[in-house]
Amino acid sequence: MVDKVFCKCAERLVEKLETYALSGEPVNMEARFSQMTLDVIGLSLFNYNFDSLTSDSPVIDAVYTALKEAEARSTDLLPYWQKGKIARLMFDVILVYFLQIDLLCKIVPRQIKAEKAVNTIRSTVEELIIKCKAIVDAENEQIEGEEYVNEADPSILRFLLASREEVSSLQLRDDLLSMLVAGHETTGSVLTWTIYLLSKDPVALRKAQEEVDRVLQGRLPRYEDVKELKYLMRCINESMRLYPHPPVLIRRALVDDVLPGNYKVKTGQDIMISVYNIHRSPEVWDRADEFIPERFDLEGPIPNESNTDFRFIPFSGGPRKCVGDQFALLEAIVALAIVIQKMDIQLVADQKISMTTGATIHTTNGLYMNVSLRKVEQEADLALSPSG
């Protein structure tokens, strides 16, 4: 994945940024990161190239339409599509509840557009499943042993089909749809806010670039390099503390319970957990609102819910923790390393950056930056020279 997907998509992003560097035109990094992570998830899940950085397609438009609808439904005060029930969390909403709003889909323009978008995505995914299954069957491919890598097609879909597990086509399609929508916007938001925080802290940005130059020596990152990019990883961790995605978790009680503080919970009741407030609480964190990557020990383990006693829960925790946490972190660090290795960034002056929330934390009007090319090879050579 690192070589065939993450690096290639990040390189395409850098090529796009180079055109802005040459023209001097500011670039909306939020939009570009979202496009790159959509390309990553398409290749990773289906071996399907959305190529959203350089082209438009009905599938790309459909994904963004579906995502906006999922966010709207997760935050609407009047969840009319659920027959009176409180909205379930974020991404799964759009995949499940379209079955309950047939009438609205035929009347309300927004719902008509959203239904068409979901149908477009579903038909595309179903077609990809059929094609991949035919290839797996024709080649009689089957996983043997614990390790499995298909060099030509390392996609998750290929792996699942080759595993020969008894999974219905409907379940497989819906699982892949959930990963498609949830797996691209979250990482794009992580990258957006991390580069925003670095742009506001030139010392931290330079420190991250120096680490990337030292570890990579001008080349693309490899899987083995990730563990050496400790400071860059802590920048991402600190970004996810300040801007968690999603900012709110929702869990439904399976039994009656009593929470700490004598809060009584009834079976079926939905509980909202504000990750954003926990991560910024001065009762939990020193200098809670400040960007301090060093608050996480560089020589210690990568912070997670367990080793922080659940103070740090960007991926939730327990049996319903995000299954894509390691994938997301690996994608984010590889992409960010390549971007800051190749480019210098500067926040456009007098730009008001404000937040809006849905499935993730977005900017209200984009994140515009001026970018310029870095002379990576020259700097690496100087670092290696005796005088350097």
Protein backbone atom coordinates (compact mmCIF):
# COMPACT_ATOMS: atom_id res chain seq x y z
CA MET A 1 0.00 0.00 0.00
CA VAL A 2 2.78 2.45 0.89
CA ASP A 3 4.58 2.04 -2.42
CA LYS A 4 1.74 1.35 -4.84
CA VAL A 5 -0.97 3.57 -3.36
CA PHE A 6 0.02 6.11 -0.71
CA CYS A 7 3.22 7.32 -2.39
CA LYS A 8 1.75 7.40 -5.89
CA CYS A 9 -1.31 9.41 -4.83
CA ALA A 10 0.81 11.82 -2.78
CA GLU A 11 3.11 12.30 -5.77
CA ARG A 12 0.12 13.20 -7.91
CA LEU A 13 -0.90 15.72 -5.26
CA VAL A 14 2.58 17.27 -5.33
CA GLU A 15 2.42 17.49 -9.14
CA LYS A 16 -0.85 19.39 -8.75
CA LEU A 17 0.71 21.68 -6.14
CA GLU A 18 3.66 22.37 -8.41
CA THR A 19 1.34 24.05 -10.91
CA TYR A 20 0.17 26.39 -8.15
CA ALA A 21 3.77 27.03 -7.10
CA LEU A 22 4.69 28.03 -10.66
CA SER A 23 1.63 30.24 -11.15
CA GLY A 24 1.76 31.81 -7.70
CA GLU A 25 -1.95 31.12 -7.24
CA PRO A 26 -3.12 30.13 -3.72
CA VAL A 27 -4.33 26.56 -3.37
CA ASN A 28 -7.18 25.22 -1.27
CA MET A 29 -5.32 22.48 0.60
CA GLU A 30 -8.50 21.13 2.18
CA ALA A 31 -9.97 20.37 -1.24
CA ARG A 32 -6.71 18.88 -2.54
CA PHE A 33 -6.22 16.62 0.47
CA SER A 34 -9.82 15.42 0.16
CA GLN A 35 -9.22 14.55 -3.50
CA MET A 36 -5.99 12.73 -2.73
CA THR A 37 -7.52 10.63 0.04
CA LEU A 38 -10.44 9.72 -2.24
CA ASP A 39 -7.92 8.42 -4.78
CA VAL A 40 -6.17 6.47 -2.01
CA ILE A 41 -9.33 4.81 -0.76
CA GLY A 42 -10.44 3.93 -4.30
CA LEU A 43 -7.18 2.16 -5.09
CA SER A 44 -6.90 0.58 -1.64
CA LEU A 45 -10.42 -0.78 -1.54
CA PHE A 46 -11.17 -1.66 -5.14
CA ASN A 47 -8.00 -1.10 -7.19
CA TYR A 48 -10.14 1.63 -8.82
CA ASN A 49 -8.56 4.92 -9.82
CA PHE A 50 -10.91 7.85 -9.21
CA ASP A 51 -8.14 10.18 -10.40
CA SER A 52 -10.04 12.97 -8.67
CA LEU A 53 -6.99 15.25 -8.57
CA THR A 54 -7.00 15.63 -12.34
CA SER A 55 -10.48 14.72 -13.57
CA ASP A 56 -14.18 14.79 -12.79
CA SER A 57 -16.56 11.85 -12.99
CA PRO A 58 -20.12 10.98 -11.97
CA VAL A 59 -18.74 8.63 -9.29
CA ILE A 60 -16.65 11.39 -7.68
CA ASP A 61 -19.62 13.75 -7.66
CA ALA A 62 -21.77 10.99 -6.19
CA VAL A 63 -19.33 10.31 -3.36
CA TYR A 64 -19.27 13.96 -2.32
CA THR A 65 -23.05 14.26 -2.59
CA ALA A 66 -23.50 11.17 -0.42
CA LEU A 67 -21.00 12.44 2.13
CA LYS A 68 -22.72 15.82 2.43
CA GLU A 69 -26.07 14.10 2.90
CA ALA A 70 -24.61 11.79 5.57
CA GLU A 71 -23.24 14.81 7.42
CA ALA A 72 -26.56 16.67 7.14
CA ARG A 73 -28.45 13.71 8.54
CA SER A 74 -26.00 13.22 11.39
CA THR A 75 -26.47 16.82 12.59
CA ASP A 76 -30.08 17.70 11.70
CA LEU A 77 -32.16 18.61 14.75
CA LEU A 78 -35.22 17.00 13.14
CA PRO A 79 -34.16 13.59 11.78
CA TYR A 80 -37.30 13.15 9.70
CA TRP A 81 -35.91 10.19 7.77
CA GLN A 82 -35.75 7.96 10.85
CA LYS A 83 -39.41 7.88 11.91
CA GLY A 84 -38.70 9.83 15.10
CA LYS A 85 -35.53 8.05 16.23
CA ILE A 86 -32.41 10.04 17.12
CA ALA A 87 -29.82 10.08 14.34
CA ARG A 88 -27.25 7.33 14.32
CA LEU A 89 -23.62 8.17 13.86
CA MET A 90 -22.34 9.79 10.69
CA PHE A 91 -21.50 7.57 7.76
CA ASP A 92 -23.74 4.52 8.14
CA VAL A 93 -26.82 6.74 8.11
CA ILE A 94 -26.88 7.24 4.38
CA LEU A 95 -26.38 3.57 3.63
CA VAL A 96 -29.17 2.30 5.86
CA TYR A 97 -31.96 4.83 6.01
CA PHE A 98 -32.59 5.50 2.35
CA LEU A 99 -34.87 2.48 2.58
CA GLN A 100 -37.10 4.47 4.95
CA ILE A 101 -37.59 7.65 2.91
CA ASP A 102 -38.84 6.46 -0.45
CA LEU A 103 -41.53 9.13 -0.51
CA LEU A 104 -39.14 11.95 0.38
CA CYS A 105 -36.71 10.77 -2.29
CA LYS A 106 -39.42 11.36 -4.87
CA ILE A 107 -40.39 14.83 -3.60
CA VAL A 108 -37.50 16.70 -1.95
CA PRO A 109 -34.83 17.81 -4.45
CA ARG A 110 -31.98 17.20 -2.01
CA GLN A 111 -33.21 13.68 -1.36
CA ILE A 112 -33.66 12.98 -5.08
CA LYS A 113 -30.06 14.03 -5.70
CA ALA A 114 -28.79 12.01 -2.74
CA GLU A 115 -30.67 8.86 -3.78
CA LYS A 116 -29.22 9.10 -7.29
CA ALA A 117 -25.75 9.52 -5.80
CA VAL A 118 -26.07 6.44 -3.60
CA ASN A 119 -27.39 4.39 -6.52
CA THR A 120 -24.43 5.50 -8.64
CA ILE A 121 -21.96 4.47 -5.93
CA ARG A 122 -23.76 1.18 -5.30
CA SER A 123 -23.83 0.21 -8.97
CA THR A 124 -20.15 1.10 -9.37
CA VAL A 125 -19.13 -0.93 -6.32
CA GLU A 126 -21.30 -3.89 -7.38
CA GLU A 127 -19.70 -3.85 -10.83
CA LEU A 128 -16.21 -3.80 -9.30
CA ILE A 129 -17.10 -6.72 -7.01
CA ILE A 130 -18.41 -8.77 -9.96
CA LYS A 131 -15.31 -8.08 -12.06
CA CYS A 132 -12.89 -8.84 -9.23
CA LYS A 133 -14.75 -12.03 -8.27
CA ALA A 134 -14.57 -13.24 -11.86
CA ILE A 135 -10.80 -12.70 -11.90
CA VAL A 136 -10.31 -14.44 -8.53
CA ASP A 137 -12.44 -17.40 -9.66
CA ALA A 138 -10.70 -17.63 -13.02
CA GLU A 139 -7.28 -17.66 -11.40
CA ASN A 140 -8.53 -19.90 -8.59
CA GLU A 141 -6.80 -17.55 -6.18
CA GLN A 142 -6.91 -18.54 -2.55
CA ILE A 143 -5.11 -17.31 0.54
CA GLU A 144 -2.71 -19.80 2.05
CA GLY A 145 -1.06 -19.05 5.38
CA GLU A 146 -1.16 -15.82 7.35
CA GLU A 147 0.59 -13.60 4.83
CA TYR A 148 -1.06 -12.57 1.58
CA VAL A 149 -0.01 -9.97 -0.95
CA ASN A 150 -1.17 -9.71 -4.53
CA GLU A 151 1.43 -7.50 -6.19
CA ALA A 152 -0.77 -6.69 -9.19
CA ASP A 153 -3.85 -5.87 -7.11
CA PRO A 154 -3.25 -5.23 -3.39
CA SER A 155 -6.81 -4.01 -2.84
CA ILE A 156 -8.90 -4.97 0.18
CA LEU A 157 -11.63 -6.24 -2.15
CA ARG A 158 -9.20 -8.69 -3.78
CA PHE A 159 -8.06 -9.86 -0.35
CA LEU A 160 -11.61 -10.41 0.89
CA LEU A 161 -12.65 -12.35 -2.19
CA ALA A 162 -9.48 -14.44 -2.16
CA SER A 163 -10.05 -15.28 1.51
CA ARG A 164 -13.16 -17.23 0.42
CA GLU A 165 -15.04 -16.20 3.54
CA GLU A 166 -18.81 -16.65 3.40
CA VAL A 167 -19.91 -13.05 3.02
CA SER A 168 -23.00 -12.05 1.09
CA SER A 169 -22.58 -9.73 -1.88
CA LEU A 170 -24.91 -7.24 -0.17
CA GLN A 171 -22.90 -7.23 3.06
CA LEU A 172 -19.63 -6.94 1.15
CA ARG A 173 -20.99 -4.05 -0.89
CA ASP A 174 -22.29 -2.17 2.15
CA ASP A 175 -19.08 -2.74 4.13
CA LEU A 176 -17.02 -1.40 1.23
CA LEU A 177 -19.38 1.56 0.83
CA SER A 178 -18.95 2.44 4.50
CA MET A 179 -15.17 2.26 4.16
CA LEU A 180 -15.26 4.33 0.98
CA VAL A 181 -17.17 7.20 2.57
CA ALA A 182 -15.67 7.00 6.07
CA GLY A 183 -12.13 6.21 5.00
CA HIS A 184 -11.48 9.15 2.74
CA GLU A 185 -12.97 12.24 4.39
CA THR A 186 -11.53 11.55 7.84
CA THR A 187 -7.91 11.26 6.69
CA GLY A 188 -8.33 14.26 4.41
CA SER A 189 -9.45 16.30 7.41
CA VAL A 190 -6.54 15.07 9.52
CA LEU A 191 -4.10 16.22 6.84
CA THR A 192 -5.89 19.56 6.45
CA TRP A 193 -5.70 20.52 10.11
CA THR A 194 -2.18 19.15 10.56
CA ILE A 195 -0.78 21.28 7.78
CA TYR A 196 -2.77 24.25 9.09
CA LEU A 197 -1.21 23.85 12.54
CA LEU A 198 2.27 23.43 11.06
CA SER A 199 1.83 26.54 8.91
CA LYS A 200 1.07 28.53 12.08
CA ASP A 201 4.16 27.15 13.83
CA PRO A 202 7.24 27.67 11.59
CA VAL A 203 9.54 26.09 14.18
CA ALA A 204 7.50 22.88 14.24
CA LEU A 205 7.25 22.85 10.43
CA ARG A 206 10.99 23.23 10.01
CA LYS A 207 11.63 20.54 12.61
CA ALA A 208 9.31 18.17 10.75
CA GLN A 209 10.96 18.96 7.40
CA GLU A 210 14.44 18.40 8.86
CA GLU A 211 13.35 15.00 10.18
CA VAL A 212 11.90 14.05 6.79
CA ASP A 213 15.09 15.17 5.01
CA ARG A 214 17.28 13.25 7.45
CA VAL A 215 15.27 10.01 7.31
CA LEU A 216 14.38 9.95 3.62
CA GLN A 217 17.46 11.62 2.09
CA GLY A 218 15.42 12.95 -0.82
CA ARG A 219 13.66 9.68 -1.73
CA LEU A 220 10.08 8.55 -1.26
CA PRO A 221 9.16 6.99 2.09
CA ARG A 222 9.09 3.24 2.56
CA TYR A 223 7.10 1.31 5.11
CA GLU A 224 10.23 0.86 7.22
CA ASP A 225 10.76 4.62 7.39
CA VAL A 226 7.50 5.35 9.17
CA LYS A 227 8.76 4.36 12.61
CA GLU A 228 11.66 6.81 12.21
CA LEU A 229 9.40 9.77 11.42
CA LYS A 230 8.62 10.18 15.10
CA TYR A 231 8.19 13.93 15.28
CA LEU A 232 6.00 14.04 12.19
CA MET A 233 3.79 11.34 13.68
CA ARG A 234 3.50 13.35 16.90
CA CYS A 235 2.41 16.36 14.84
CA ILE A 236 -0.37 14.23 13.39
CA ASN A 237 -1.29 12.89 16.85
CA GLU A 238 -1.45 16.41 18.27
CA SER A 239 -3.54 17.55 15.32
CA MET A 240 -6.01 14.72 15.97
CA ARG A 241 -6.16 15.79 19.61
CA LEU A 242 -7.09 19.36 18.71
CA TYR A 243 -9.28 18.44 15.71
CA PRO A 244 -10.60 14.87 16.17
CA HIS A 245 -12.50 13.15 13.37
CA PRO A 246 -15.28 12.57 14.11
CA PRO A 247 -15.59 15.20 16.86
CA VAL A 248 -18.50 13.34 18.44
CA LEU A 249 -19.09 9.63 18.99
CA ILE A 250 -22.53 8.11 19.47
CA ARG A 251 -23.14 4.81 21.22
CA ARG A 252 -26.43 3.05 21.92
CA ALA A 253 -26.96 1.35 25.25
CA LEU A 254 -27.66 -2.36 24.91
CA VAL A 255 -28.74 -2.68 28.56
CA ASP A 256 -29.75 -0.38 31.43
CA ASP A 257 -26.65 1.12 32.99
CA VAL A 258 -25.37 3.77 35.39
CA LEU A 259 -22.43 5.88 34.26
CA PRO A 260 -19.93 7.64 36.55
CA GLY A 261 -21.61 10.64 38.14
CA ASN A 262 -24.78 8.58 38.68
CA TYR A 263 -26.05 9.17 35.14
CA LYS A 264 -28.72 6.56 34.47
CA VAL A 265 -28.98 5.16 30.96
CA LYS A 266 -31.91 3.17 29.62
CA THR A 267 -31.72 0.37 27.09
CA GLY A 268 -31.81 1.78 23.57
CA GLN A 269 -30.76 5.28 24.66
CA ASP A 270 -28.16 7.01 22.49
CA ILE A 271 -25.18 8.55 24.27
CA MET A 272 -23.16 11.33 22.67
CA ILE A 273 -19.47 11.48 23.62
CA SER A 274 -17.74 14.75 22.77
CA VAL A 275 -14.23 13.75 21.76
CA TYR A 276 -13.51 17.40 20.93
CA ASN A 277 -14.28 18.53 24.50
CA ILE A 278 -12.33 15.69 26.10
CA HIS A 279 -9.30 16.42 23.93
CA ARG A 280 -9.37 20.13 24.83
CA SER A 281 -10.30 19.85 28.49
CA PRO A 282 -7.87 21.69 30.82
CA GLU A 283 -8.78 19.10 33.45
CA VAL A 284 -7.25 16.45 31.22
CA TRP A 285 -4.48 18.27 29.32
CA ASP A 286 -1.91 20.93 30.19
CA ARG A 287 -2.10 23.95 27.85
CA ALA A 288 -5.01 22.12 26.26
CA ASP A 289 -5.65 24.51 23.37
CA GLU A 290 -2.01 24.77 22.26
CA PHE A 291 -0.32 22.78 19.49
CA ILE A 292 2.52 20.98 21.28
CA PRO A 293 3.63 17.81 19.44
CA GLU A 294 6.27 17.21 22.11
CA ARG A 295 3.58 16.56 24.71
CA PHE A 296 3.71 12.99 23.38
CA ASP A 297 7.08 11.38 24.17
CA LEU A 298 9.03 10.86 20.93
CA GLU A 299 10.65 7.72 22.31
CA GLY A 300 7.45 6.37 23.77
CA PRO A 301 4.66 4.42 22.07
CA ILE A 302 2.35 6.14 19.59
CA PRO A 303 -0.48 7.53 21.75
CA ASN A 304 -3.76 5.65 21.75
CA GLU A 305 -6.73 5.24 24.04
CA SER A 306 -5.07 2.58 26.19
CA ASN A 307 -1.72 4.20 26.96
CA THR A 308 -3.37 7.59 27.65
CA ASP A 309 -6.05 6.16 29.94
CA PHE A 310 -8.70 7.19 27.38
CA ARG A 311 -7.69 10.85 27.39
CA PHE A 312 -6.81 10.50 23.67
CA ILE A 313 -9.57 8.78 21.69
CA PRO A 314 -9.49 9.98 18.05
CA PHE A 315 -10.34 6.43 16.94
CA SER A 316 -12.65 5.69 19.88
CA GLY A 317 -11.82 2.57 21.89
CA GLY A 318 -12.99 -0.86 22.90
CA PRO A 319 -14.64 -3.44 20.62
CA ARG A 320 -16.20 -0.73 18.42
CA LYS A 321 -12.99 1.17 17.85
CA CYS A 322 -12.31 2.29 14.28
CA VAL A 323 -10.99 -0.68 12.30
CA GLY A 324 -9.02 1.59 9.98
CA ASP A 325 -6.88 3.40 12.55
CA GLN A 326 -3.52 1.99 11.45
CA PHE A 327 -4.39 2.41 7.78
CA ALA A 328 -5.32 6.07 8.35
CA LEU A 329 -2.18 6.87 10.35
CA LEU A 330 0.06 5.21 7.79
CA GLU A 331 -1.63 7.03 4.92
CA ALA A 332 -1.46 10.39 6.71
CA ILE A 333 2.21 10.20 7.65
CA VAL A 334 3.31 9.05 4.18
CA ALA A 335 1.30 11.75 2.42
CA LEU A 336 2.38 14.53 4.78
CA ALA A 337 6.03 13.48 4.58
CA ILE A 338 5.99 13.72 0.78
CA VAL A 339 4.19 17.08 0.75
CA ILE A 340 6.50 18.83 3.22
CA GLN A 341 9.53 17.13 1.65
CA LYS A 342 8.76 18.62 -1.75
CA MET A 343 6.91 21.84 -0.87
CA ASP A 344 7.17 24.85 1.39
CA ILE A 345 3.81 26.11 2.61
CA GLN A 346 2.56 29.43 3.92
CA LEU A 347 -0.92 30.33 5.06
CA VAL A 348 -2.50 33.04 2.94
CA ALA A 349 -2.43 36.25 4.98
CA ASP A 350 -5.54 37.78 6.55
CA GLN A 351 -7.46 34.55 6.10
CA LYS A 352 -10.09 33.74 8.68
CA ILE A 353 -10.12 30.02 9.34
CA SER A 354 -13.28 28.92 11.11
CA MET A 355 -14.76 25.49 11.71
CA THR A 356 -17.94 23.71 10.82
CA THR A 357 -18.73 20.18 11.89
CA GLY A 358 -20.45 17.22 10.33
CA ALA A 359 -18.96 13.79 10.00
CA THR A 360 -15.60 15.54 10.43
CA ILE A 361 -14.40 19.05 11.28
CA HIS A 362 -14.21 21.18 8.13
CA THR A 363 -13.19 24.73 7.46
CA THR A 364 -16.09 26.93 6.50
CA ASN A 365 -14.44 28.42 3.41
CA GLY A 366 -11.40 26.27 2.67
CA LEU A 367 -7.75 26.40 3.72
CA TYR A 368 -5.81 28.52 1.25
CA MET A 369 -2.04 28.39 1.16
CA ASN A 370 0.80 29.69 -0.95
CA VAL A 371 3.13 26.86 -1.94
CA SER A 372 6.65 26.84 -3.35
CA LEU A 373 9.11 24.14 -4.37
CA ARG A 374 11.76 22.97 -1.92
CA LYS A 375 15.23 21.98 -3.08
CA VAL A 376 15.23 18.69 -1.25
CA GLU A 377 18.21 17.05 -2.93
CA GLN A 378 20.42 20.10 -2.45
CA GLU A 379 19.53 20.34 1.24
CA ALA A 380 20.12 16.62 1.73
CA ASP A 381 23.54 16.89 0.05
CA LEU A 382 24.49 19.80 2.31
CA ALA A 383 23.43 17.84 5.36
CA LEU A 384 25.72 14.98 4.34
CA SER A 385 28.73 17.13 3.46
CA PRO A 386 31.59 17.44 6.04
CA SER A 387 31.00 21.18 6.37
CA GLY A 388 27.26 20.63 6.83
